[in-house]
Amino acid sequence: MTSVSLVGPGDEPIVLGVTTPATQVRVPTTRRYLMCPPAYFTVEYSINPWMDPTQPISTSLAMEQWTALKETYERLGHKVDVIDPEPGLPDMVFAANSGTVIDGQVLGSRFRAPQRAAEADHFRRWFLANGYRSVVMPSRTNEAEGDFVWTGKYLLAGTGFRTDPQAHSEAQEVLGVPVISLHLTDPRYYHLDVALFVLADDLIAYYPDAFSPGTRQVLRRLFPNAITTTAEDAACLGLNAVSDGRHVILPLEATALADQVARHGFEPVFVDISELRKSGGGPKCCTMELRD
């Protein structure tokens, strides 16, 4: 049987219940992540449909939720590096948007929104200061792991709202991996990582209505056994999730998706990202994977 867990700041996972017997034994692999504390988090501009500068924001609550997420990774045995936040960059907490790292090769980011443009160079300097010598900054708009999702075999590359389609070929040349272009059509799901995530090398979950008809056909061909989610789970950013091959870190509202991943042999672990979601981000947005 597979347990479903809830975690909070400083707490051990709490078993909420059990699911039907898993169809496959899933094995976690230790990951290394880069995160940035939301010390300056706020919503002072709007660059996606989730952001409303008129609504109240609690930076302290965002910090609590971010800390709980970081501690969850560490409790599961993963290593978390931390980059210092910078004043005036409230979205720097969403570290996934600032680099794609595969086999130690780093492709940096180039943001579409001018409000976030300065983040890219802070991350570039972090990479160079931490032993990465092959760091390429893109010539095309490229919002990194926001639109680049590595399956272990393909780099799924989103476009439609942020990342230029020409950035896909640039990523293939820099990273040396095959790239599959996917077209996003719903502005609420402006990045690929809020519409799709990888559970294991052979399995993804995604929200079909976020994609063009042709892209849906491509995903069905590549991943015939993929999990498809409800509109409700997509709307709570349930697909902005992180999997280590067994444990799946999900927003606590994504209950139907949790049931589905549990039936596939994974262990859902819920986190509260309600404050961070006010800027359109969730667990994955806060988490860049360092694949050395």
Protein backbone atom coordinates (compact mmCIF):
# COMPACT_ATOMS: atom_id res chain seq x y z
CA MET A 1 0.00 0.00 0.00
CA THR A 2 1.14 3.56 -0.62
CA SER A 3 0.86 6.27 2.02
CA VAL A 4 -0.09 9.88 1.41
CA SER A 5 1.72 12.40 3.60
CA LEU A 6 1.31 15.99 4.69
CA VAL A 7 4.22 18.04 5.93
CA GLY A 8 4.49 21.43 7.58
CA PRO A 9 7.25 23.56 9.07
CA GLY A 10 9.34 21.35 11.34
CA ASP A 11 6.89 18.45 11.22
CA GLU A 12 7.41 14.86 10.23
CA PRO A 13 5.17 13.56 7.44
CA ILE A 14 1.66 12.75 8.64
CA VAL A 15 -0.07 9.77 7.05
CA LEU A 16 -3.44 10.86 5.73
CA GLY A 17 -4.54 7.53 4.35
CA VAL A 18 -3.67 4.74 1.96
CA THR A 19 -4.41 4.12 -1.66
CA THR A 20 -4.99 1.05 -3.75
CA PRO A 21 -1.98 -1.28 -4.15
CA ALA A 22 0.76 0.25 -6.28
CA THR A 23 1.30 -1.21 -9.73
CA GLN A 24 5.07 -0.74 -9.58
CA VAL A 25 7.74 -0.31 -6.92
CA ARG A 26 9.22 3.16 -7.33
CA VAL A 27 12.76 3.92 -6.17
CA PRO A 28 13.84 7.47 -5.24
CA THR A 29 17.14 8.91 -6.36
CA THR A 30 19.02 11.54 -4.40
CA ARG A 31 18.76 14.97 -6.01
CA ARG A 32 20.58 18.26 -5.64
CA TYR A 33 18.53 21.44 -5.77
CA LEU A 34 19.19 25.17 -5.83
CA MET A 35 16.71 27.42 -4.02
CA CYS A 36 16.41 31.11 -3.12
CA PRO A 37 14.68 32.33 0.07
CA PRO A 38 11.74 34.71 -0.53
CA ALA A 39 13.17 37.40 1.75
CA TYR A 40 11.91 40.14 -0.59
CA PHE A 41 8.83 38.34 -1.89
CA THR A 42 5.86 40.51 -2.79
CA VAL A 43 3.53 41.09 -5.73
CA GLU A 44 4.20 44.60 -6.93
CA TYR A 45 3.58 44.06 -10.66
CA SER A 46 1.59 41.65 -12.82
CA ILE A 47 3.33 39.54 -15.46
CA ASN A 48 1.02 36.51 -15.35
CA PRO A 49 -2.70 35.96 -14.67
CA TRP A 50 -2.05 34.83 -11.10
CA MET A 51 -0.50 38.10 -9.95
CA ASP A 52 -2.71 40.83 -8.46
CA PRO A 53 -0.78 43.71 -6.84
CA THR A 54 -3.96 44.89 -5.07
CA GLN A 55 -4.14 41.74 -2.94
CA PRO A 56 -2.34 41.54 0.42
CA ILE A 57 0.90 39.53 0.60
CA SER A 58 2.67 38.12 3.64
CA THR A 59 6.42 37.83 3.08
CA SER A 60 6.78 36.04 6.42
CA LEU A 61 4.20 33.41 5.41
CA ALA A 62 5.92 32.94 2.06
CA MET A 63 9.18 32.37 3.96
CA GLU A 64 7.51 29.79 6.22
CA GLN A 65 6.13 27.91 3.22
CA TRP A 66 9.46 28.04 1.39
CA THR A 67 11.29 26.79 4.50
CA ALA A 68 8.85 23.88 4.84
CA LEU A 69 9.49 22.95 1.21
CA LYS A 70 13.27 23.09 1.67
CA GLU A 71 13.06 21.02 4.86
CA THR A 72 10.90 18.48 3.05
CA TYR A 73 13.59 17.94 0.43
CA GLU A 74 16.23 17.58 3.12
CA ARG A 75 14.11 15.16 5.13
CA LEU A 76 13.79 13.02 2.02
CA GLY A 77 17.58 12.90 1.72
CA HIS A 78 18.18 15.52 -0.95
CA LYS A 79 20.85 18.24 -0.91
CA VAL A 80 19.70 21.85 -1.13
CA ASP A 81 22.03 24.70 -2.05
CA VAL A 82 20.84 28.23 -1.40
CA ILE A 83 21.53 31.40 -3.38
CA ASP A 84 21.24 34.73 -1.58
CA PRO A 85 18.19 36.79 -2.55
CA GLU A 86 18.60 40.31 -3.90
CA PRO A 87 16.56 43.38 -2.89
CA GLY A 88 14.25 44.58 -5.64
CA LEU A 89 13.86 41.10 -7.17
CA PRO A 90 10.71 39.72 -5.50
CA ASP A 91 10.40 36.77 -7.91
CA MET A 92 13.95 35.52 -7.43
CA VAL A 93 12.47 32.85 -5.14
CA PHE A 94 11.39 31.07 -8.34
CA ALA A 95 14.86 29.66 -8.95
CA ALA A 96 13.74 27.21 -11.62
CA ASN A 97 13.47 30.07 -14.11
CA SER A 98 17.16 30.97 -14.00
CA GLY A 99 19.04 27.94 -15.30
CA THR A 100 18.91 24.50 -16.88
CA VAL A 101 21.65 22.10 -15.80
CA ILE A 102 22.23 18.73 -17.49
CA ASP A 103 25.43 16.70 -16.99
CA GLY A 104 27.08 19.74 -15.43
CA GLN A 105 26.45 21.95 -18.46
CA VAL A 106 24.58 25.15 -17.60
CA LEU A 107 22.32 27.07 -19.93
CA GLY A 108 21.32 30.29 -18.22
CA SER A 109 18.17 32.31 -18.73
CA ARG A 110 16.98 35.41 -20.52
CA PHE A 111 13.68 36.68 -19.13
CA ARG A 112 10.88 38.12 -21.22
CA ALA A 113 9.65 40.47 -18.47
CA PRO A 114 12.06 43.33 -17.73
CA GLN A 115 11.13 43.14 -14.03
CA ARG A 116 12.94 39.79 -13.77
CA ALA A 117 15.82 40.36 -16.18
CA ALA A 118 18.45 41.03 -13.48
CA GLU A 119 17.88 37.63 -11.86
CA ALA A 120 19.73 35.84 -14.64
CA ASP A 121 23.10 37.39 -13.88
CA HIS A 122 22.87 36.68 -10.14
CA PHE A 123 22.44 33.00 -10.93
CA ARG A 124 25.20 33.09 -13.56
CA ARG A 125 27.60 34.41 -10.92
CA TRP A 126 26.46 31.73 -8.46
CA PHE A 127 27.25 28.99 -10.96
CA LEU A 128 30.73 30.37 -11.64
CA ALA A 129 31.43 30.80 -7.91
CA ASN A 130 30.38 27.22 -7.23
CA GLY A 131 32.61 25.38 -9.65
CA TYR A 132 30.60 25.40 -12.88
CA ARG A 133 32.88 26.34 -15.75
CA SER A 134 30.61 25.62 -18.70
CA VAL A 135 27.97 28.32 -18.34
CA VAL A 136 26.29 29.65 -21.48
CA MET A 137 23.92 32.60 -21.41
CA PRO A 138 21.26 32.38 -24.11
CA SER A 139 20.81 34.76 -27.01
CA ARG A 140 17.07 34.03 -27.17
CA THR A 141 14.40 34.49 -24.53
CA ASN A 142 14.58 31.35 -22.42
CA GLU A 143 13.02 30.99 -18.97
CA ALA A 144 14.99 27.87 -18.12
CA GLU A 145 13.25 25.10 -16.20
CA GLY A 146 10.06 27.09 -16.37
CA ASP A 147 9.86 25.93 -19.98
CA PHE A 148 12.54 23.21 -20.15
CA VAL A 149 11.58 19.89 -18.54
CA TRP A 150 14.17 17.09 -18.63
CA THR A 151 12.76 13.57 -18.77
CA GLY A 152 16.12 11.80 -18.67
CA LYS A 153 15.81 11.15 -22.40
CA TYR A 154 14.23 14.26 -23.94
CA LEU A 155 14.16 17.93 -23.10
CA LEU A 156 10.51 18.89 -23.34
CA ALA A 157 10.51 22.56 -24.32
CA GLY A 158 7.53 24.86 -23.92
CA THR A 159 6.69 27.95 -25.93
CA GLY A 160 3.70 30.17 -26.50
CA PHE A 161 4.02 32.80 -23.77
CA ARG A 162 7.58 33.15 -22.45
CA THR A 163 10.36 31.13 -24.10
CA ASP A 164 11.06 31.81 -27.80
CA PRO A 165 10.75 28.78 -30.09
CA GLN A 166 14.26 29.60 -31.40
CA ALA A 167 15.54 29.00 -27.86
CA HIS A 168 14.70 25.32 -28.27
CA SER A 169 17.36 24.78 -30.93
CA GLU A 170 19.79 26.84 -28.87
CA ALA A 171 19.15 24.54 -25.90
CA GLN A 172 19.79 21.48 -28.05
CA GLU A 173 23.13 22.88 -29.24
CA VAL A 174 24.28 23.96 -25.77
CA LEU A 175 23.04 20.99 -23.75
CA GLY A 176 23.52 18.30 -26.41
CA VAL A 177 20.18 16.60 -25.78
CA PRO A 178 17.17 15.99 -28.05
CA VAL A 179 14.52 18.68 -27.72
CA ILE A 180 10.77 18.24 -28.22
CA SER A 181 8.85 21.50 -28.75
CA LEU A 182 5.47 21.80 -27.03
CA HIS A 183 3.04 24.68 -27.61
CA LEU A 184 1.15 26.20 -24.67
CA THR A 185 -2.17 27.92 -25.40
CA ASP A 186 -3.77 28.84 -22.04
CA PRO A 187 -2.30 32.02 -20.47
CA ARG A 188 -2.92 30.66 -16.96
CA TYR A 189 -0.36 27.97 -17.76
CA TYR A 190 2.24 30.31 -19.17
CA HIS A 191 5.20 28.04 -18.38
CA LEU A 192 5.54 24.36 -19.18
CA ASP A 193 6.25 23.56 -15.52
CA VAL A 194 2.76 24.65 -14.46
CA ALA A 195 1.16 22.34 -17.05
CA LEU A 196 3.39 19.23 -16.97
CA PHE A 197 5.89 17.43 -14.76
CA VAL A 198 7.99 14.27 -14.90
CA LEU A 199 7.31 11.56 -12.35
CA ALA A 200 9.89 9.09 -13.65
CA ASP A 201 11.82 8.52 -16.88
CA ASP A 202 8.84 6.68 -18.35
CA LEU A 203 5.95 8.72 -16.96
CA ILE A 204 4.68 12.30 -16.98
CA ALA A 205 1.56 14.06 -15.74
CA TYR A 206 0.01 16.95 -17.66
CA TYR A 207 -3.12 19.03 -18.24
CA PRO A 208 -4.18 18.49 -21.87
CA ASP A 209 -6.22 21.69 -22.16
CA ALA A 210 -3.07 23.77 -21.61
CA PHE A 211 -1.66 22.62 -24.96
CA SER A 212 -2.37 22.96 -28.66
CA PRO A 213 -4.07 20.01 -30.44
CA GLY A 214 -0.84 19.01 -32.19
CA THR A 215 1.11 19.08 -28.94
CA ARG A 216 -1.48 16.86 -27.28
CA GLN A 217 -0.97 14.33 -30.07
CA VAL A 218 2.81 14.48 -29.56
CA LEU A 219 2.43 13.87 -25.82
CA ARG A 220 0.11 10.93 -26.41
CA ARG A 221 2.65 9.38 -28.79
CA LEU A 222 5.61 9.90 -26.48
CA PHE A 223 3.84 9.06 -23.22
CA PRO A 224 0.83 6.82 -23.92
CA ASN A 225 0.52 5.96 -20.22
CA ALA A 226 0.75 9.54 -18.95
CA ILE A 227 -1.43 10.82 -16.14
CA THR A 228 -3.82 13.56 -17.26
CA THR A 229 -5.16 15.90 -14.61
CA THR A 230 -8.42 17.61 -13.83
CA ALA A 231 -8.98 21.32 -14.35
CA GLU A 232 -9.19 21.69 -10.56
CA ASP A 233 -5.76 20.17 -9.98
CA ALA A 234 -4.25 22.30 -12.72
CA ALA A 235 -5.85 25.43 -11.26
CA CYS A 236 -4.16 24.96 -7.87
CA LEU A 237 -0.81 24.55 -9.69
CA GLY A 238 -0.87 20.86 -8.87
CA LEU A 239 1.36 20.16 -11.85
CA ASN A 240 4.06 22.45 -10.52
CA ALA A 241 5.32 19.40 -8.68
CA VAL A 242 8.68 17.75 -8.00
CA SER A 243 9.36 14.01 -8.13
CA ASP A 244 12.48 12.13 -7.03
CA GLY A 245 11.28 8.93 -8.65
CA ARG A 246 9.19 7.90 -5.64
CA HIS A 247 8.18 10.92 -3.56
CA VAL A 248 6.08 13.55 -5.32
CA ILE A 249 5.94 17.01 -3.73
CA LEU A 250 2.53 18.53 -4.46
CA PRO A 251 0.42 21.52 -3.41
CA LEU A 252 -1.90 20.29 -0.69
CA GLU A 253 -5.03 21.09 -2.74
CA ALA A 254 -4.07 18.64 -5.53
CA THR A 255 -5.88 15.68 -3.99
CA ALA A 256 -7.16 14.00 -7.15
CA LEU A 257 -3.69 14.16 -8.70
CA ALA A 258 -2.24 12.72 -5.48
CA ASP A 259 -4.60 9.76 -5.77
CA GLN A 260 -3.51 9.17 -9.35
CA VAL A 261 0.21 9.29 -8.66
CA ALA A 262 -0.24 7.01 -5.65
CA ARG A 263 -1.98 4.43 -7.85
CA HIS A 264 1.14 4.47 -10.02
CA GLY A 265 3.37 3.56 -7.09
CA PHE A 266 4.52 7.00 -5.95
CA GLU A 267 4.21 8.57 -2.51
CA PRO A 268 2.55 12.01 -2.58
CA VAL A 269 3.85 14.53 -0.07
CA PHE A 270 1.77 17.69 0.32
CA VAL A 271 3.12 21.18 0.97
CA ASP A 272 1.32 24.48 1.42
CA ILE A 273 2.29 27.00 -1.28
CA SER A 274 -0.78 29.23 -0.98
CA GLU A 275 1.18 32.47 -0.50
CA LEU A 276 3.75 31.73 -3.20
CA ARG A 277 0.93 30.82 -5.58
CA LYS A 278 -0.19 34.46 -5.50
CA SER A 279 2.76 35.11 -7.80
CA GLY A 280 2.02 32.08 -9.97
CA GLY A 281 4.57 29.73 -8.42
CA GLY A 282 4.63 26.42 -6.59
CA PRO A 283 7.11 23.74 -5.49
CA LYS A 284 8.83 23.32 -8.85
CA CYS A 285 9.06 27.06 -9.52
CA CYS A 286 11.05 27.34 -6.28
CA THR A 287 13.37 24.47 -7.22
CA MET A 288 16.13 24.28 -9.81
CA GLU A 289 17.63 20.82 -10.18
CA LEU A 290 21.42 20.68 -10.41
CA ARG A 291 22.15 17.62 -12.57
CA ASP A 292 25.90 17.33 -12.23
